[in-house]
Protein backbone atom coordinates (compact mmCIF):
# COMPACT_ATOMS: atom_id res chain seq x y z
CA MET A 1 29.37 66.16 104.82
CA GLN A 2 29.04 63.76 108.02
CA SER A 3 32.01 61.17 106.87
CA ALA A 4 34.30 64.65 106.96
CA LEU A 5 33.00 66.38 110.02
CA ARG A 6 33.22 63.13 111.53
CA ALA A 7 37.22 62.60 110.30
CA GLU A 8 37.53 66.08 110.91
CA LEU A 9 36.46 65.96 114.65
CA LEU A 10 38.98 62.65 115.10
CA GLU A 11 42.10 64.47 113.21
CA LEU A 12 41.58 67.24 116.34
CA ILE A 13 41.14 64.74 119.05
CA VAL A 14 44.13 63.02 118.11
CA GLN A 15 45.95 66.13 118.19
CA ASN A 16 45.25 66.71 121.93
CA THR A 17 46.36 65.93 124.60
CA PRO A 18 45.04 62.43 126.89
CA ALA A 19 43.45 64.68 129.31
CA PHE A 20 41.79 67.04 126.69
CA LEU A 21 40.50 62.96 125.76
CA GLU A 22 39.05 62.87 129.28
CA GLN A 23 37.53 65.70 129.66
CA LEU A 24 35.79 65.47 126.00
CA ILE A 25 34.44 61.79 127.27
CA VAL A 26 32.91 63.72 130.32
CA ASP A 27 31.46 66.35 128.67
CA LEU A 28 29.77 63.51 126.26
CA LEU A 29 28.65 61.25 129.04
CA ILE A 30 27.04 63.94 130.89
CA ALA A 31 25.56 65.21 127.24
CA MET A 32 23.98 61.47 127.47
CA GLY A 33 22.79 61.75 130.56
CA TYR A 34 25.06 60.37 132.64
CA GLY A 35 26.75 61.32 135.97
CA GLY A 36 24.47 63.45 137.14
CA SER A 37 26.21 67.57 137.21
CA HIS A 38 29.17 68.60 135.28
CA LYS A 39 30.87 68.97 138.67
CA ASN A 40 30.46 65.80 140.17
CA ALA A 41 31.21 63.56 136.98
CA ALA A 42 34.82 65.28 136.64
CA THR A 43 35.33 65.15 140.46
CA GLN A 44 34.45 61.17 140.10
CA LEU A 45 36.87 60.60 136.88
CA ALA A 46 39.63 62.81 138.26
CA ARG A 47 38.89 60.95 141.90
CA SER A 48 39.58 57.04 140.40
CA SER A 49 42.88 57.14 138.06
CA ASP A 50 44.11 54.05 139.65
CA GLY A 51 44.11 50.13 138.93
CA GLY A 52 43.59 50.47 135.13
CA VAL A 53 40.21 52.33 135.05
CA ASP A 54 40.68 56.19 134.07
CA GLY A 55 37.42 57.00 136.31
CA VAL A 56 34.12 56.32 137.47
CA ILE A 57 30.96 58.05 136.86
CA ASN A 58 27.34 57.32 138.19
CA GLU A 59 25.03 55.46 135.76
CA ASP A 60 22.05 57.99 137.30
CA ARG A 61 21.60 61.23 138.94
CA LEU A 62 21.15 59.35 142.07
CA GLY A 63 24.57 56.86 141.80
CA LEU A 64 22.30 53.93 141.85
CA ASP A 65 25.06 52.62 139.49
CA ARG A 66 28.38 53.17 138.28
CA VAL A 67 30.05 52.96 135.00
CA TYR A 68 34.24 52.12 135.13
CA VAL A 69 35.57 54.35 132.14
CA GLN A 70 38.69 53.64 130.21
CA ALA A 71 40.32 56.27 127.41
CA LYS A 72 43.00 55.67 124.98
CA GLY A 73 44.46 57.55 122.53
CA TYR A 74 46.03 55.68 119.84
CA GLY A 75 46.64 57.10 117.19
CA ASP A 76 45.99 54.47 114.15
CA ALA A 77 46.69 51.57 115.86
CA THR A 78 44.05 48.90 116.90
CA VAL A 79 43.35 47.93 120.25
CA GLY A 80 43.43 44.33 120.78
CA ARG A 81 42.08 41.97 123.19
CA PRO A 82 44.94 41.87 125.55
CA ASP A 83 44.12 45.88 126.49
CA VAL A 84 40.45 45.18 127.11
CA GLN A 85 41.10 42.19 128.87
CA ALA A 86 43.08 43.99 131.45
CA PHE A 87 40.23 46.40 131.58
CA VAL A 88 37.80 43.69 132.00
CA GLY A 89 40.33 42.39 135.14
CA SER A 90 40.18 46.20 136.86
CA LEU A 91 36.33 45.93 136.67
CA VAL A 92 36.38 42.45 138.24
CA GLY A 93 39.30 43.95 140.90
CA HIS A 94 36.74 46.85 141.44
CA GLY A 95 33.72 44.51 141.70
CA ALA A 96 32.15 46.37 138.80
CA THR A 97 29.50 45.37 136.48
CA LYS A 98 29.91 47.88 134.08
CA GLY A 99 32.64 50.01 132.23
CA VAL A 100 32.77 51.58 128.59
CA PHE A 101 36.54 51.51 126.75
CA VAL A 102 37.23 54.56 124.69
CA THR A 103 39.76 55.12 122.16
CA THR A 104 40.68 57.32 119.08
CA SER A 105 41.39 54.23 116.92
CA THR A 106 39.60 51.04 116.45
CA PHE A 107 39.08 47.41 118.29
CA SER A 108 40.10 44.40 116.35
CA SER A 109 37.52 41.72 116.04
CA GLN A 110 38.98 39.28 118.80
CA ALA A 111 38.54 42.76 121.27
CA ARG A 112 34.99 42.55 119.96
CA ASN A 113 34.51 39.19 120.41
CA TYR A 114 35.69 39.04 124.09
CA VAL A 115 33.19 41.26 125.35
CA GLU A 116 29.85 39.89 123.89
CA HIS A 117 30.54 36.74 126.41
CA LEU A 118 31.37 38.71 129.59
CA ALA A 119 29.28 38.77 132.59
CA GLN A 120 30.40 42.35 133.33
CA ARG A 121 28.92 44.76 130.33
CA VAL A 122 31.42 46.38 128.59
CA ILE A 123 30.66 49.00 125.94
CA LEU A 124 33.18 49.88 122.96
CA ILE A 125 33.57 53.01 121.68
CA ASP A 126 35.97 53.55 118.80
CA GLY A 127 36.76 56.65 117.08
CA ASN A 128 33.78 56.47 114.60
CA ARG A 129 31.62 55.78 116.93
CA LEU A 130 32.51 58.30 119.42
CA THR A 131 32.80 61.15 116.77
CA GLY A 132 28.96 59.41 116.19
CA LEU A 133 27.74 60.33 119.97
CA MET A 134 29.82 63.66 119.74
CA ILE A 135 27.73 64.93 116.39
CA GLU A 136 24.38 63.45 117.95
CA TYR A 137 24.76 64.99 121.29
CA GLY A 138 26.08 68.45 120.12
CA VAL A 139 29.81 68.07 122.05
CA GLY A 140 32.58 69.75 119.83
CA VAL A 141 29.61 70.81 117.33
CA ARG A 142 27.63 73.36 116.82
CA VAL A 143 24.90 74.11 114.28
CA SER A 144 25.75 75.82 111.62
CA ARG A 145 23.51 75.98 109.21
CA ARG A 146 19.68 75.02 109.59
CA ILE A 147 17.17 74.25 106.91
CA GLU A 148 14.06 73.95 107.27
CA PHE A 149 10.73 73.12 104.89
CA LYS A 150 7.03 73.41 105.83
CA ARG A 151 4.70 71.50 104.63
CA ILE A 152 0.56 72.20 105.09
CA ASP A 153 -0.87 71.04 108.91
CA GLU A 154 -3.68 68.76 107.35
CA ASP A 155 -4.76 68.88 111.37
CA PHE A 156 -5.76 72.99 110.87
CA PHE A 157 -7.79 72.59 107.68
CA ALA A 158 -9.84 69.82 108.73
CA GLU A 159 -13.83 70.83 109.96
CA ASP A 160 -14.18 68.95 113.01
CA PHE A 161 -16.38 71.68 115.56
CA SER A 162 -17.87 69.05 117.28
CA ILE A 163 -16.45 69.94 120.50
């Protein structure tokens, strides 16, 4: 069921516009605790769409550190090292130490290996991980049915009246 939900989410994301993908990433990062308020996060991402970076979001509510974001909806094409390297170059140009590169497709092994040995911390989020995070943080999904199992509360039945 989880796999089918991920596939359906990814299909819906790919069918939408690049602006939708950027908004989805804002919503997800806010749900994960980044960026402070939704208004602040959205403003920051909209402000800095230049220099190879789609946006900048505060890592925490106080804005002590920033995370630079790149979003690419590549369909089925694999994101290679050159695209990731260009993003890292943009990070260096901005004096940034942290970046997140999000794609709806996958990253090549060369791209994944490249980010492992950088001075900057770069996280690659492919379509599978993106949809997994959406499910985990409740972005674009809702609970349809909940199953509840009851078990004995053994503490309730323990006779300890020494209090």
